[in-house]
């Protein structure tokens, strides 16, 4: 939120979000993304009020290398969902500008058709340097969207080689989007990200690339059987589609529905979300402590000199860390 902006009343804002007010939804996400201490407190109250109304949507993370067509795929999938009666929220996480900290790409401008639908809500957010290509507050934004009545939440990651564990750890279904490739395709994808994928989709299966896409599907289908499924009892599926021509999108959503049904019938989805919530709490504790640590006057005053001494080899990193932690804790009492 802009500096000096009036602090919204969390109860009123929660009611407006629940009532389907799109402006209120945008304001609520802006509030939870704010780093101002008073906004963080208001955001916590807002989320507590909205929490009973969350959990009804399917949370899908979409990742893939730049150029794989994530935005085109998400727009095609979103249009299919809207046409079949769903309400779709897209949290498109863009790289951050080093100068302004804002989003660079602006996915809302790249999903023009979907952005015009009253049943869709698109929110681009900057990564602000967060690993995994997800904004620090993406989890909260998902909850706000669910409380507003969106039954499918799609999270698009940057997909620039950073750890994708972050997004896989906050969604129900993790979808890996791939390009059609030759026989060496498997060597170009990290085993780690394959182990996270619940659904693998080879995009751009059209024109001259169609045969290569089908070969890629066969290669990955064979390879993925040798990996441990990330979401038992679900067995990962490999499909192909053409987001540009909007072919195969219905099969992708059918597979997503099968995933939801299998996980739900086995009672596996609720424990997965519970574990994610616990991890989220500890991640928040760690990030908040790090922020408080860096903002501590004694630490901030000593940190530049210690960093210089560490890089110059004049002091061991462990010794520097202990000194900084001692400054953060302050004089110990009671001894």
C-alpha atoms as a PDB file:
ATOM      1  CA  UNK A   1       0.000   0.000   0.000  1.00  0.00           C
ATOM      2  CA  UNK A   2       1.128   3.527  -0.646  1.00  0.00           C
ATOM      3  CA  UNK A   3       2.794   5.378   2.160  1.00  0.00           C
ATOM      4  CA  UNK A   4       0.283   7.351   4.137  1.00  0.00           C
ATOM      5  CA  UNK A   5      -2.679   5.345   2.844  1.00  0.00           C
ATOM      6  CA  UNK A   6      -5.498   4.914   5.326  1.00  0.00           C
ATOM      7  CA  UNK A   7      -5.366   1.595   7.120  1.00  0.00           C
ATOM      8  CA  UNK A   8      -8.429  -0.429   6.057  1.00  0.00           C
ATOM      9  CA  UNK A   9     -10.679  -1.960   8.675  1.00  0.00           C
ATOM     10  CA  UNK A  10      -9.971  -5.727   8.486  1.00  0.00           C
ATOM     11  CA  UNK A  11     -13.539  -6.749   9.407  1.00  0.00           C
ATOM     12  CA  UNK A  12     -15.143  -4.529   6.771  1.00  0.00           C
ATOM     13  CA  UNK A  13     -12.577  -5.568   4.187  1.00  0.00           C
ATOM     14  CA  UNK A  14     -13.168  -9.258   4.953  1.00  0.00           C
ATOM     15  CA  UNK A  15     -16.901  -8.815   4.521  1.00  0.00           C
ATOM     16  CA  UNK A  16     -16.410  -7.058   1.184  1.00  0.00           C
ATOM     17  CA  UNK A  17     -14.061  -9.801  -0.026  1.00  0.00           C
ATOM     18  CA  UNK A  18     -16.603 -12.450   0.960  1.00  0.00           C
ATOM     19  CA  UNK A  19     -19.261 -10.464  -0.899  1.00  0.00           C
ATOM     20  CA  UNK A  20     -17.356 -10.720  -4.172  1.00  0.00           C
ATOM     21  CA  UNK A  21     -16.156  -7.117  -4.368  1.00  0.00           C
ATOM     22  CA  UNK A  22     -13.221  -7.293  -6.804  1.00  0.00           C
ATOM     23  CA  UNK A  23     -11.793  -3.963  -5.636  1.00  0.00           C
ATOM     24  CA  UNK A  24     -11.883  -5.209  -2.076  1.00  0.00           C
ATOM     25  CA  UNK A  25     -10.093  -8.381  -3.182  1.00  0.00           C
ATOM     26  CA  UNK A  26      -7.357  -6.316  -4.804  1.00  0.00           C
ATOM     27  CA  UNK A  27      -7.057  -4.129  -1.690  1.00  0.00           C
ATOM     28  CA  UNK A  28      -6.902  -7.205   0.538  1.00  0.00           C
ATOM     29  CA  UNK A  29      -4.036  -8.706  -1.473  1.00  0.00           C
ATOM     30  CA  UNK A  30      -2.242  -5.367  -1.427  1.00  0.00           C
ATOM     31  CA  UNK A  31      -2.642  -5.337   2.347  1.00  0.00           C
ATOM     32  CA  UNK A  32      -1.214  -8.827   2.835  1.00  0.00           C
ATOM     33  CA  UNK A  33       1.698  -7.979   0.528  1.00  0.00           C
ATOM     34  CA  UNK A  34       2.581  -4.842   2.495  1.00  0.00           C
ATOM     35  CA  UNK A  35       5.672  -4.858   4.698  1.00  0.00           C
ATOM     36  CA  UNK A  36       4.546  -2.029   6.977  1.00  0.00           C
ATOM     37  CA  UNK A  37       4.234  -3.264  10.585  1.00  0.00           C
ATOM     38  CA  UNK A  38       0.731  -1.819  11.033  1.00  0.00           C
ATOM     39  CA  UNK A  39      -0.344  -3.364   7.726  1.00  0.00           C
ATOM     40  CA  UNK A  40       1.108  -6.733   8.747  1.00  0.00           C
ATOM     41  CA  UNK A  41      -0.969  -6.664  11.935  1.00  0.00           C
ATOM     42  CA  UNK A  42      -4.114  -5.726   9.993  1.00  0.00           C
ATOM     43  CA  UNK A  43      -3.364  -8.438   7.433  1.00  0.00           C
ATOM     44  CA  UNK A  44      -3.115 -11.044  10.189  1.00  0.00           C
ATOM     45  CA  UNK A  45      -6.543  -9.997  11.502  1.00  0.00           C
ATOM     46  CA  UNK A  46      -7.964 -10.077   7.971  1.00  0.00           C
ATOM     47  CA  UNK A  47      -6.617 -13.575   7.297  1.00  0.00           C
ATOM     48  CA  UNK A  48      -7.983 -14.856  10.597  1.00  0.00           C
ATOM     49  CA  UNK A  49     -11.429 -13.569   9.629  1.00  0.00           C
ATOM     50  CA  UNK A  50     -11.217 -15.128   6.156  1.00  0.00           C
ATOM     51  CA  UNK A  51      -9.679 -18.459   7.157  1.00  0.00           C
ATOM     52  CA  UNK A  52     -12.987 -20.273   7.849  1.00  0.00           C
ATOM     53  CA  UNK A  53     -14.031 -19.499   4.280  1.00  0.00           C
ATOM     54  CA  UNK A  54     -10.891 -20.879   2.608  1.00  0.00           C
ATOM     55  CA  UNK A  55      -9.829 -24.328   1.492  1.00  0.00           C
ATOM     56  CA  UNK A  56     -12.585 -24.938  -1.033  1.00  0.00           C
ATOM     57  CA  UNK A  57     -10.497 -24.363  -4.133  1.00  0.00           C
ATOM     58  CA  UNK A  58      -7.945 -26.435  -6.011  1.00  0.00           C
ATOM     59  CA  UNK A  59      -4.506 -24.837  -5.785  1.00  0.00           C
ATOM     60  CA  UNK A  60      -2.375 -25.444  -8.867  1.00  0.00           C
ATOM     61  CA  UNK A  61       1.231 -24.349  -9.342  1.00  0.00           C
ATOM     62  CA  UNK A  62       2.462 -23.970 -12.924  1.00  0.00           C
ATOM     63  CA  UNK A  63       6.164 -23.817 -13.670  1.00  0.00           C
ATOM     64  CA  UNK A  64       8.481 -24.191 -16.635  1.00  0.00           C
ATOM     65  CA  UNK A  65      11.444 -22.559 -18.304  1.00  0.00           C
ATOM     66  CA  UNK A  66      11.032 -19.141 -19.967  1.00  0.00           C
ATOM     67  CA  UNK A  67       9.645 -19.601 -23.463  1.00  0.00           C
ATOM     68  CA  UNK A  68       7.609 -22.691 -22.651  1.00  0.00           C
ATOM     69  CA  UNK A  69       4.407 -20.663 -22.905  1.00  0.00           C
ATOM     70  CA  UNK A  70       3.235 -20.517 -19.285  1.00  0.00           C
ATOM     71  CA  UNK A  71       1.078 -17.436 -19.718  1.00  0.00           C
ATOM     72  CA  UNK A  72      -0.503 -18.732 -22.929  1.00  0.00           C
ATOM     73  CA  UNK A  73      -1.154 -22.070 -21.241  1.00  0.00           C
ATOM     74  CA  UNK A  74      -2.674 -20.461 -18.157  1.00  0.00           C
ATOM     75  CA  UNK A  75      -4.912 -18.240 -20.271  1.00  0.00           C
ATOM     76  CA  UNK A  76      -6.086 -21.263 -22.287  1.00  0.00           C
ATOM     77  CA  UNK A  77      -6.672 -23.302 -19.129  1.00  0.00           C
ATOM     78  CA  UNK A  78      -8.386 -20.378 -17.420  1.00  0.00           C
ATOM     79  CA  UNK A  79     -10.700 -19.843 -20.395  1.00  0.00           C
ATOM     80  CA  UNK A  80     -11.613 -23.537 -20.365  1.00  0.00           C
ATOM     81  CA  UNK A  81     -12.363 -23.391 -16.652  1.00  0.00           C
ATOM     82  CA  UNK A  82     -14.507 -20.276 -16.978  1.00  0.00           C
ATOM     83  CA  UNK A  83     -16.420 -21.880 -19.858  1.00  0.00           C
ATOM     84  CA  UNK A  84     -17.146 -24.898 -17.663  1.00  0.00           C
ATOM     85  CA  UNK A  85     -18.507 -22.822 -14.776  1.00  0.00           C
ATOM     86  CA  UNK A  86     -15.463 -22.299 -12.575  1.00  0.00           C
ATOM     87  CA  UNK A  87     -14.203 -19.061 -11.055  1.00  0.00           C
ATOM     88  CA  UNK A  88     -10.456 -18.717 -11.577  1.00  0.00           C
ATOM     89  CA  UNK A  89      -7.844 -16.634  -9.782  1.00  0.00           C
ATOM     90  CA  UNK A  90      -4.393 -16.333 -11.349  1.00  0.00           C
ATOM     91  CA  UNK A  91      -1.480 -15.231  -9.210  1.00  0.00           C
ATOM     92  CA  UNK A  92       1.110 -14.508 -11.870  1.00  0.00           C
ATOM     93  CA  UNK A  93       4.428 -13.958 -10.140  1.00  0.00           C
ATOM     94  CA  UNK A  94       6.757 -11.789 -12.224  1.00  0.00           C
ATOM     95  CA  UNK A  95      10.469 -11.082 -11.835  1.00  0.00           C
ATOM     96  CA  UNK A  96      11.111  -7.949  -9.798  1.00  0.00           C
ATOM     97  CA  UNK A  97      12.769  -4.833 -11.072  1.00  0.00           C
ATOM     98  CA  UNK A  98      15.981  -4.195  -9.152  1.00  0.00           C
ATOM     99  CA  UNK A  99      15.228  -0.481  -9.355  1.00  0.00           C
ATOM    100  CA  UNK A 100      11.593  -0.249  -8.292  1.00  0.00           C
ATOM    101  CA  UNK A 101      10.905  -3.683  -6.825  1.00  0.00           C
ATOM    102  CA  UNK A 102       7.811  -3.927  -9.019  1.00  0.00           C
ATOM    103  CA  UNK A 103       6.767  -6.548 -11.571  1.00  0.00           C
ATOM    104  CA  UNK A 104       8.568  -6.393 -14.897  1.00  0.00           C
ATOM    105  CA  UNK A 105       6.432  -8.508 -17.214  1.00  0.00           C
ATOM    106  CA  UNK A 106       2.893  -7.706 -16.097  1.00  0.00           C
ATOM    107  CA  UNK A 107       1.114 -10.990 -16.850  1.00  0.00           C
ATOM    108  CA  UNK A 108      -2.260  -9.266 -16.769  1.00  0.00           C
ATOM    109  CA  UNK A 109      -1.329  -7.558 -20.022  1.00  0.00           C
ATOM    110  CA  UNK A 110      -0.335 -10.931 -21.506  1.00  0.00           C
ATOM    111  CA  UNK A 111      -3.652 -12.622 -20.626  1.00  0.00           C
ATOM    112  CA  UNK A 112      -5.933 -10.097 -22.261  1.00  0.00           C
ATOM    113  CA  UNK A 113      -8.845 -12.436 -23.022  1.00  0.00           C
ATOM    114  CA  UNK A 114      -8.931 -14.009 -19.570  1.00  0.00           C
ATOM    115  CA  UNK A 115      -8.543 -10.664 -17.816  1.00  0.00           C
ATOM    116  CA  UNK A 116     -11.802  -9.476 -19.383  1.00  0.00           C
ATOM    117  CA  UNK A 117     -13.814 -12.347 -17.919  1.00  0.00           C
ATOM    118  CA  UNK A 118     -15.902 -11.464 -14.837  1.00  0.00           C
ATOM    119  CA  UNK A 119     -15.262 -15.012 -13.566  1.00  0.00           C
ATOM    120  CA  UNK A 120     -11.484 -14.554 -13.573  1.00  0.00           C
ATOM    121  CA  UNK A 121      -9.163 -12.489 -11.412  1.00  0.00           C
ATOM    122  CA  UNK A 122      -5.519 -11.932 -12.385  1.00  0.00           C
ATOM    123  CA  UNK A 123      -2.979 -10.504  -9.996  1.00  0.00           C
ATOM    124  CA  UNK A 124       0.663 -10.014 -11.024  1.00  0.00           C
ATOM    125  CA  UNK A 125       3.016  -9.762  -8.055  1.00  0.00           C
ATOM    126  CA  UNK A 126       6.771  -9.142  -7.928  1.00  0.00           C
ATOM    127  CA  UNK A 127       9.030 -11.866  -6.579  1.00  0.00           C
ATOM    128  CA  UNK A 128      10.968  -9.250  -4.592  1.00  0.00           C
ATOM    129  CA  UNK A 129      13.943 -11.575  -4.781  1.00  0.00           C
ATOM    130  CA  UNK A 130      12.190 -14.553  -3.189  1.00  0.00           C
ATOM    131  CA  UNK A 131      13.655 -17.915  -4.170  1.00  0.00           C
ATOM    132  CA  UNK A 132      11.422 -20.284  -6.080  1.00  0.00           C
ATOM    133  CA  UNK A 133       9.892 -17.500  -8.157  1.00  0.00           C
ATOM    134  CA  UNK A 134       7.007 -16.918  -5.811  1.00  0.00           C
ATOM    135  CA  UNK A 135       6.203 -13.791  -3.890  1.00  0.00           C
ATOM    136  CA  UNK A 136       6.619 -13.971  -0.131  1.00  0.00           C
ATOM    137  CA  UNK A 137       2.899 -13.440   0.378  1.00  0.00           C
ATOM    138  CA  UNK A 138       1.591 -15.729  -2.356  1.00  0.00           C
ATOM    139  CA  UNK A 139       0.228 -18.130   0.266  1.00  0.00           C
ATOM    140  CA  UNK A 140      -1.867 -15.387   1.858  1.00  0.00           C
ATOM    141  CA  UNK A 141      -3.068 -14.180  -1.542  1.00  0.00           C
ATOM    142  CA  UNK A 142      -4.288 -17.705  -2.330  1.00  0.00           C
ATOM    143  CA  UNK A 143      -6.365 -17.770   0.844  1.00  0.00           C
ATOM    144  CA  UNK A 144      -7.880 -14.361   0.100  1.00  0.00           C
ATOM    145  CA  UNK A 145      -8.854 -15.516  -3.407  1.00  0.00           C
ATOM    146  CA  UNK A 146     -10.474 -18.676  -2.043  1.00  0.00           C
ATOM    147  CA  UNK A 147     -12.433 -16.635   0.490  1.00  0.00           C
ATOM    148  CA  UNK A 148     -13.653 -14.466  -2.391  1.00  0.00           C
ATOM    149  CA  UNK A 149     -15.205 -17.542  -4.015  1.00  0.00           C
ATOM    150  CA  UNK A 150     -12.606 -18.560  -6.577  1.00  0.00           C
ATOM    151  CA  UNK A 151     -12.598 -22.350  -6.722  1.00  0.00           C
ATOM    152  CA  UNK A 152      -9.398 -22.702  -8.778  1.00  0.00           C
ATOM    153  CA  UNK A 153      -6.246 -20.760  -7.949  1.00  0.00           C
ATOM    154  CA  UNK A 154      -3.413 -20.923 -10.488  1.00  0.00           C
ATOM    155  CA  UNK A 155       0.049 -19.804  -9.383  1.00  0.00           C
ATOM    156  CA  UNK A 156       2.489 -19.085 -12.203  1.00  0.00           C
ATOM    157  CA  UNK A 157       6.150 -19.066 -11.207  1.00  0.00           C
ATOM    158  CA  UNK A 158       9.018 -17.274 -12.896  1.00  0.00           C
ATOM    159  CA  UNK A 159      10.674 -20.553 -13.868  1.00  0.00           C
ATOM    160  CA  UNK A 160      14.229 -19.263 -14.106  1.00  0.00           C
ATOM    161  CA  UNK A 161      16.036 -22.163 -12.467  1.00  0.00           C
ATOM    162  CA  UNK A 162      15.547 -21.107  -8.845  1.00  0.00           C
ATOM    163  CA  UNK A 163      14.320 -23.623  -6.299  1.00  0.00           C
ATOM    164  CA  UNK A 164      10.748 -24.542  -7.207  1.00  0.00           C
ATOM    165  CA  UNK A 165      10.258 -26.239  -3.848  1.00  0.00           C
ATOM    166  CA  UNK A 166       8.621 -23.036  -2.624  1.00  0.00           C
ATOM    167  CA  UNK A 167       5.634 -23.234  -4.948  1.00  0.00           C
ATOM    168  CA  UNK A 168       5.332 -27.027  -4.720  1.00  0.00           C
ATOM    169  CA  UNK A 169       5.088 -26.578  -0.960  1.00  0.00           C
ATOM    170  CA  UNK A 170       2.047 -24.310  -1.122  1.00  0.00           C
ATOM    171  CA  UNK A 171      -0.199 -25.868  -3.777  1.00  0.00           C
ATOM    172  CA  UNK A 172      -2.214 -29.059  -4.098  1.00  0.00           C
ATOM    173  CA  UNK A 173      -1.071 -29.946  -7.603  1.00  0.00           C
ATOM    174  CA  UNK A 174       2.305 -29.019  -9.076  1.00  0.00           C
ATOM    175  CA  UNK A 175       2.282 -28.856 -12.890  1.00  0.00           C
ATOM    176  CA  UNK A 176       5.523 -28.856 -14.870  1.00  0.00           C
ATOM    177  CA  UNK A 177       5.280 -27.427 -18.381  1.00  0.00           C
ATOM    178  CA  UNK A 178       7.860 -28.646 -20.913  1.00  0.00           C
ATOM    179  CA  UNK A 179       8.871 -27.935 -24.493  1.00  0.00           C
ATOM    180  CA  UNK A 180       8.983 -30.624 -27.185  1.00  0.00           C
ATOM    181  CA  UNK A 181      12.564 -31.871 -27.359  1.00  0.00           C
ATOM    182  CA  UNK A 182      14.755 -34.526 -28.894  1.00  0.00           C
ATOM    183  CA  UNK A 183      16.059 -37.717 -27.370  1.00  0.00           C
ATOM    184  CA  UNK A 184      18.305 -35.865 -24.949  1.00  0.00           C
ATOM    185  CA  UNK A 185      15.373 -34.040 -23.338  1.00  0.00           C
ATOM    186  CA  UNK A 186      15.630 -35.921 -20.058  1.00  0.00           C
ATOM    187  CA  UNK A 187      19.189 -34.739 -19.550  1.00  0.00           C
ATOM    188  CA  UNK A 188      18.085 -31.123 -19.749  1.00  0.00           C
ATOM    189  CA  UNK A 189      15.611 -31.259 -16.868  1.00  0.00           C
ATOM    190  CA  UNK A 190      16.766 -31.447 -13.274  1.00  0.00           C
ATOM    191  CA  UNK A 191      15.753 -34.610 -11.469  1.00  0.00           C
ATOM    192  CA  UNK A 192      14.690 -32.524  -8.465  1.00  0.00           C
ATOM    193  CA  UNK A 193      11.929 -30.668 -10.274  1.00  0.00           C
ATOM    194  CA  UNK A 194      10.708 -33.895 -11.878  1.00  0.00           C
ATOM    195  CA  UNK A 195      10.353 -35.382  -8.411  1.00  0.00           C
ATOM    196  CA  UNK A 196       8.032 -32.506  -7.466  1.00  0.00           C
ATOM    197  CA  UNK A 197       5.721 -32.763 -10.480  1.00  0.00           C
ATOM    198  CA  UNK A 198       2.226 -34.231 -10.079  1.00  0.00           C
ATOM    199  CA  UNK A 199       1.390 -33.495 -13.698  1.00  0.00           C
ATOM    200  CA  UNK A 200       3.795 -33.025 -16.623  1.00  0.00           C
ATOM    201  CA  UNK A 201       2.483 -31.291 -19.744  1.00  0.00           C
ATOM    202  CA  UNK A 202       4.418 -30.945 -22.996  1.00  0.00           C
ATOM    203  CA  UNK A 203       3.224 -27.695 -24.571  1.00  0.00           C
ATOM    204  CA  UNK A 204       3.469 -26.513 -28.185  1.00  0.00           C
ATOM    205  CA  UNK A 205       2.393 -29.910 -29.540  1.00  0.00           C
ATOM    206  CA  UNK A 206       1.402 -28.395 -32.872  1.00  0.00           C
ATOM    207  CA  UNK A 207       2.750 -27.972 -36.397  1.00  0.00           C
ATOM    208  CA  UNK A 208       6.226 -29.348 -37.009  1.00  0.00           C
ATOM    209  CA  UNK A 209       6.718 -29.847 -33.256  1.00  0.00           C
ATOM    210  CA  UNK A 210       3.819 -32.295 -32.881  1.00  0.00           C
ATOM    211  CA  UNK A 211       5.876 -35.473 -33.509  1.00  0.00           C
ATOM    212  CA  UNK A 212       8.636 -34.283 -31.167  1.00  0.00           C
ATOM    213  CA  UNK A 213       6.019 -33.520 -28.513  1.00  0.00           C
ATOM    214  CA  UNK A 214       4.642 -37.046 -28.614  1.00  0.00           C
ATOM    215  CA  UNK A 215       8.153 -38.510 -28.372  1.00  0.00           C
ATOM    216  CA  UNK A 216       8.825 -36.259 -25.389  1.00  0.00           C
ATOM    217  CA  UNK A 217       5.628 -37.450 -23.699  1.00  0.00           C
ATOM    218  CA  UNK A 218       6.722 -41.079 -24.124  1.00  0.00           C
ATOM    219  CA  UNK A 219      10.220 -40.367 -22.775  1.00  0.00           C
ATOM    220  CA  UNK A 220       8.968 -38.582 -19.686  1.00  0.00           C
ATOM    221  CA  UNK A 221       6.210 -41.104 -19.067  1.00  0.00           C
ATOM    222  CA  UNK A 222       8.870 -43.812 -18.896  1.00  0.00           C
ATOM    223  CA  UNK A 223      11.208 -41.733 -16.754  1.00  0.00           C
ATOM    224  CA  UNK A 224       8.628 -40.537 -14.245  1.00  0.00           C
ATOM    225  CA  UNK A 225       7.653 -44.108 -13.388  1.00  0.00           C
ATOM    226  CA  UNK A 226      11.106 -44.564 -11.884  1.00  0.00           C
ATOM    227  CA  UNK A 227      10.643 -41.652  -9.482  1.00  0.00           C
ATOM    228  CA  UNK A 228       8.865 -41.622  -6.165  1.00  0.00           C
ATOM    229  CA  UNK A 229       5.436 -39.964  -6.547  1.00  0.00           C
ATOM    230  CA  UNK A 230       5.374 -36.600  -4.730  1.00  0.00           C
ATOM    231  CA  UNK A 231       1.703 -36.922  -3.722  1.00  0.00           C
ATOM    232  CA  UNK A 232       0.815 -40.549  -2.908  1.00  0.00           C
ATOM    233  CA  UNK A 233      -1.505 -42.220  -3.772  1.00  0.00           C
ATOM    234  CA  UNK A 234      -1.552 -40.193  -6.994  1.00  0.00           C
ATOM    235  CA  UNK A 235       0.653 -41.433  -9.844  1.00  0.00           C
ATOM    236  CA  UNK A 236       1.988 -38.536 -11.966  1.00  0.00           C
ATOM    237  CA  UNK A 237       0.661 -38.244 -15.508  1.00  0.00           C
ATOM    238  CA  UNK A 238       2.391 -36.942 -18.655  1.00  0.00           C
ATOM    239  CA  UNK A 239       0.273 -35.247 -21.336  1.00  0.00           C
ATOM    240  CA  UNK A 240       0.695 -32.997 -24.357  1.00  0.00           C
ATOM    241  CA  UNK A 241      -1.233 -29.932 -25.457  1.00  0.00           C
ATOM    242  CA  UNK A 242      -1.159 -26.899 -27.690  1.00  0.00           C
ATOM    243  CA  UNK A 243      -2.015 -23.855 -25.602  1.00  0.00           C
ATOM    244  CA  UNK A 244      -1.803 -21.655 -28.700  1.00  0.00           C
ATOM    245  CA  UNK A 245      -4.434 -23.728 -30.514  1.00  0.00           C
ATOM    246  CA  UNK A 246      -6.194 -24.605 -27.238  1.00  0.00           C
ATOM    247  CA  UNK A 247      -6.045 -28.324 -27.932  1.00  0.00           C
ATOM    248  CA  UNK A 248      -5.552 -30.854 -25.165  1.00  0.00           C
ATOM    249  CA  UNK A 249      -6.450 -28.352 -22.446  1.00  0.00           C
ATOM    250  CA  UNK A 250      -9.582 -30.309 -21.528  1.00  0.00           C
ATOM    251  CA  UNK A 251      -7.457 -33.440 -20.996  1.00  0.00           C
ATOM    252  CA  UNK A 252      -5.147 -31.499 -18.687  1.00  0.00           C
ATOM    253  CA  UNK A 253      -8.079 -30.360 -16.561  1.00  0.00           C
ATOM    254  CA  UNK A 254      -9.532 -33.874 -16.547  1.00  0.00           C
ATOM    255  CA  UNK A 255      -6.232 -35.111 -15.121  1.00  0.00           C
ATOM    256  CA  UNK A 256      -6.294 -32.324 -12.515  1.00  0.00           C
ATOM    257  CA  UNK A 257      -9.800 -33.381 -11.536  1.00  0.00           C
ATOM    258  CA  UNK A 258      -8.677 -36.996 -11.264  1.00  0.00           C
ATOM    259  CA  UNK A 259      -5.837 -35.878  -8.999  1.00  0.00           C
ATOM    260  CA  UNK A 260      -8.266 -34.034  -6.736  1.00  0.00           C
ATOM    261  CA  UNK A 261     -10.614 -37.025  -6.620  1.00  0.00           C
ATOM    262  CA  UNK A 262      -7.876 -39.576  -5.865  1.00  0.00           C
ATOM    263  CA  UNK A 263      -6.319 -37.413  -3.166  1.00  0.00           C
ATOM    264  CA  UNK A 264      -9.705 -36.610  -1.656  1.00  0.00           C
ATOM    265  CA  UNK A 265     -10.931 -40.205  -1.579  1.00  0.00           C
ATOM    266  CA  UNK A 266      -7.690 -41.338   0.061  1.00  0.00           C
ATOM    267  CA  UNK A 267      -7.896 -38.565   2.655  1.00  0.00           C
ATOM    268  CA  UNK A 268      -4.464 -37.370   1.537  1.00  0.00           C
ATOM    269  CA  UNK A 269      -5.223 -33.767   0.608  1.00  0.00           C
ATOM    270  CA  UNK A 270      -6.057 -32.492   4.099  1.00  0.00           C
ATOM    271  CA  UNK A 271      -2.816 -33.839   5.681  1.00  0.00           C
ATOM    272  CA  UNK A 272      -0.825 -32.366   2.797  1.00  0.00           C
ATOM    273  CA  UNK A 273      -2.336 -28.932   3.378  1.00  0.00           C
ATOM    274  CA  UNK A 274      -1.843 -29.259   7.149  1.00  0.00           C
ATOM    275  CA  UNK A 275       1.861 -30.002   6.668  1.00  0.00           C
ATOM    276  CA  UNK A 276       2.135 -27.054   4.289  1.00  0.00           C
ATOM    277  CA  UNK A 277       0.504 -24.773   6.878  1.00  0.00           C
ATOM    278  CA  UNK A 278       3.032 -25.883   9.514  1.00  0.00           C
ATOM    279  CA  UNK A 279       5.918 -25.277   7.122  1.00  0.00           C
ATOM    280  CA  UNK A 280       4.407 -21.886   6.287  1.00  0.00           C
ATOM    281  CA  UNK A 281       4.347 -20.932   9.976  1.00  0.00           C
ATOM    282  CA  UNK A 282       8.024 -21.782  10.439  1.00  0.00           C
ATOM    283  CA  UNK A 283       8.965 -20.043   7.209  1.00  0.00           C
ATOM    284  CA  UNK A 284       7.188 -16.928   8.472  1.00  0.00           C
ATOM    285  CA  UNK A 285       9.006 -17.164  11.799  1.00  0.00           C
ATOM    286  CA  UNK A 286      12.373 -17.456  10.056  1.00  0.00           C
ATOM    287  CA  UNK A 287      11.705 -14.602   7.628  1.00  0.00           C
ATOM    288  CA  UNK A 288      10.360 -12.313  10.352  1.00  0.00           C
ATOM    289  CA  UNK A 289      13.339 -13.052  12.604  1.00  0.00           C
ATOM    290  CA  UNK A 290      15.730 -12.348   9.735  1.00  0.00           C
ATOM    291  CA  UNK A 291      14.005  -9.017   9.060  1.00  0.00           C
ATOM    292  CA  UNK A 292      14.175  -8.107  12.762  1.00  0.00           C
ATOM    293  CA  UNK A 293      17.799  -9.195  12.928  1.00  0.00           C
ATOM    294  CA  UNK A 294      18.876  -7.009   9.989  1.00  0.00           C
ATOM    295  CA  UNK A 295      16.872  -4.049  11.302  1.00  0.00           C
ATOM    296  CA  UNK A 296      18.429  -4.212  14.792  1.00  0.00           C
ATOM    297  CA  UNK A 297      20.468  -0.994  15.296  1.00  0.00           C
ATOM    298  CA  UNK A 298      23.520  -2.726  16.784  1.00  0.00           C
ATOM    299  CA  UNK A 299      23.545  -5.374  14.061  1.00  0.00           C
ATOM    300  CA  UNK A 300      23.014  -2.860  11.276  1.00  0.00           C
ATOM    301  CA  UNK A 301      25.864  -0.724  12.592  1.00  0.00           C
ATOM    302  CA  UNK A 302      28.347  -3.575  12.839  1.00  0.00           C
ATOM    303  CA  UNK A 303      27.300  -5.662   9.823  1.00  0.00           C
ATOM    304  CA  UNK A 304      29.158  -3.781   7.018  1.00  0.00           C
ATOM    305  CA  UNK A 305      32.505  -3.995   8.820  1.00  0.00           C
ATOM    306  CA  UNK A 306      32.054  -7.669   9.636  1.00  0.00           C
ATOM    307  CA  UNK A 307      31.024  -8.516   6.070  1.00  0.00           C
ATOM    308  CA  UNK A 308      34.152  -6.759   4.808  1.00  0.00           C
ATOM    309  CA  UNK A 309      36.316  -8.622   7.315  1.00  0.00           C
ATOM    310  CA  UNK A 310      34.781 -11.967   6.320  1.00  0.00           C
ATOM    311  CA  UNK A 311      35.287 -11.405   2.601  1.00  0.00           C
ATOM    312  CA  UNK A 312      38.871 -10.288   3.257  1.00  0.00           C
ATOM    313  CA  UNK A 313      39.563 -13.469   5.213  1.00  0.00           C
ATOM    314  CA  UNK A 314      40.279 -11.569   8.430  1.00  0.00           C
ATOM    315  CA  UNK A 315      37.608 -13.315  10.498  1.00  0.00           C
ATOM    316  CA  UNK A 316      35.868 -16.666  10.244  1.00  0.00           C
ATOM    317  CA  UNK A 317      32.226 -16.474   9.101  1.00  0.00           C
ATOM    318  CA  UNK A 318      31.149 -18.467  12.163  1.00  0.00           C
ATOM    319  CA  UNK A 319      32.890 -16.003  14.481  1.00  0.00           C
ATOM    320  CA  UNK A 320      31.276 -13.053  12.706  1.00  0.00           C
ATOM    321  CA  UNK A 321      27.865 -14.710  12.961  1.00  0.00           C
ATOM    322  CA  UNK A 322      28.317 -15.293  16.689  1.00  0.00           C
ATOM    323  CA  UNK A 323      29.257 -11.663  17.221  1.00  0.00           C
ATOM    324  CA  UNK A 324      26.214 -10.446  15.302  1.00  0.00           C
ATOM    325  CA  UNK A 325      23.920 -12.801  17.200  1.00  0.00           C
ATOM    326  CA  UNK A 326      25.376 -11.531  20.459  1.00  0.00           C
ATOM    327  CA  UNK A 327      24.603  -7.961  19.423  1.00  0.00           C
ATOM    328  CA  UNK A 328      21.063  -8.986  18.490  1.00  0.00           C
ATOM    329  CA  UNK A 329      20.422 -10.696  21.824  1.00  0.00           C
ATOM    330  CA  UNK A 330      21.959  -7.847  23.777  1.00  0.00           C
ATOM    331  CA  UNK A 331      23.421  -8.118  27.300  1.00  0.00           C
ATOM    332  CA  UNK A 332      22.197 -11.322  28.869  1.00  0.00           C
ATOM    333  CA  UNK A 333      20.675 -10.916  32.300  1.00  0.00           C
ATOM    334  CA  UNK A 334      19.943 -13.163  35.173  1.00  0.00           C
ATOM    335  CA  UNK A 335      23.431 -14.642  35.467  1.00  0.00           C
END
